[in-house]
Protein backbone atom coordinates (compact mmCIF):
# COMPACT_ATOMS: atom_id res chain seq x y z
CA UNK A 1 7.32 -1.35 45.32
CA UNK A 2 3.91 -1.04 46.98
CA UNK A 3 3.32 -4.69 47.76
CA UNK A 4 3.46 -4.05 51.49
CA UNK A 5 0.35 -1.85 51.10
CA UNK A 6 -1.61 -4.02 48.70
CA UNK A 7 -4.59 -6.13 49.70
CA UNK A 8 -5.61 -9.49 48.32
CA UNK A 9 -9.05 -11.09 48.66
CA UNK A 10 -7.75 -13.54 51.28
CA UNK A 11 -6.57 -10.65 53.47
CA UNK A 12 -10.03 -9.12 53.69
CA UNK A 13 -11.84 -10.96 56.47
CA UNK A 14 -15.39 -9.74 55.81
CA UNK A 15 -15.80 -11.46 52.43
CA UNK A 16 -15.21 -8.46 50.18
CA UNK A 17 -12.92 -8.84 47.20
CA UNK A 18 -11.64 -5.30 46.87
CA UNK A 19 -10.46 -2.72 49.38
CA UNK A 20 -12.83 -0.13 47.87
CA UNK A 21 -15.76 -2.27 49.04
CA UNK A 22 -14.80 -1.28 52.59
CA UNK A 23 -15.03 2.47 51.98
CA UNK A 24 -18.29 4.27 52.68
CA UNK A 25 -18.91 7.91 51.84
CA UNK A 26 -21.17 9.74 54.28
CA UNK A 27 -23.04 12.93 53.43
CA UNK A 28 -24.58 15.11 56.12
CA UNK A 29 -28.01 16.25 54.92
CA UNK A 30 -31.05 18.17 56.08
CA UNK A 31 -34.59 16.75 55.98
CA UNK A 32 -33.68 13.18 55.10
CA UNK A 33 -37.27 12.07 54.49
CA UNK A 34 -37.86 14.74 51.84
CA UNK A 35 -34.51 14.02 50.22
CA UNK A 36 -35.26 10.30 49.99
CA UNK A 37 -38.59 11.06 48.30
CA UNK A 38 -36.83 13.26 45.73
CA UNK A 39 -34.18 10.58 45.13
CA UNK A 40 -36.91 7.96 44.58
CA UNK A 41 -38.50 10.24 41.95
CA UNK A 42 -35.09 10.42 40.24
CA UNK A 43 -34.89 6.59 40.24
CA UNK A 44 -31.99 6.46 42.69
CA UNK A 45 -31.65 3.06 44.36
CA UNK A 46 -32.52 3.29 48.04
CA UNK A 47 -30.80 0.36 49.76
CA UNK A 48 -32.66 0.31 53.07
CA UNK A 49 -35.24 2.11 55.16
CA UNK A 50 -34.44 5.23 57.14
CA UNK A 51 -33.20 4.25 60.59
CA UNK A 52 -33.35 6.59 63.57
CA UNK A 53 -30.86 6.61 66.43
CA UNK A 54 -30.13 8.96 69.33
CA UNK A 55 -27.58 10.79 67.16
CA UNK A 56 -29.63 11.08 63.95
CA UNK A 57 -31.23 9.37 60.97
CA UNK A 58 -29.49 7.27 58.33
CA UNK A 59 -30.22 5.69 54.98
CA UNK A 60 -28.04 4.17 52.27
CA UNK A 61 -28.28 4.72 48.52
CA UNK A 62 -26.32 3.53 45.50
CA UNK A 63 -24.56 5.86 43.12
CA UNK A 64 -24.58 5.31 39.36
CA UNK A 65 -21.61 2.92 39.63
CA UNK A 66 -23.21 0.86 42.40
CA UNK A 67 -21.18 2.31 45.27
CA UNK A 68 -22.99 2.57 48.59
CA UNK A 69 -23.39 6.08 50.02
CA UNK A 70 -24.68 6.87 53.49
CA UNK A 71 -26.93 9.87 54.05
CA UNK A 72 -27.03 11.19 57.60
CA UNK A 73 -29.35 13.76 59.17
CA UNK A 74 -27.77 14.52 62.55
CA UNK A 75 -29.91 15.19 65.56
CA UNK A 76 -29.06 18.77 66.50
């Protein structure tokens, strides 16, 4: 029985209802700005604006099923 590994909505403290809502896929990319422009042309949902940090640039998109994906251009 897997009940000791199962999660219920009351066990998730951040308001999500499913454990998969806590998972975020991150892709390392080159030239994030150009990629975002191409994704916009393909009608991909861009969740937020590109943010820049000391360690790189980030943006989030949604896949066809509505799952959030993080795109990361590291600062090399």
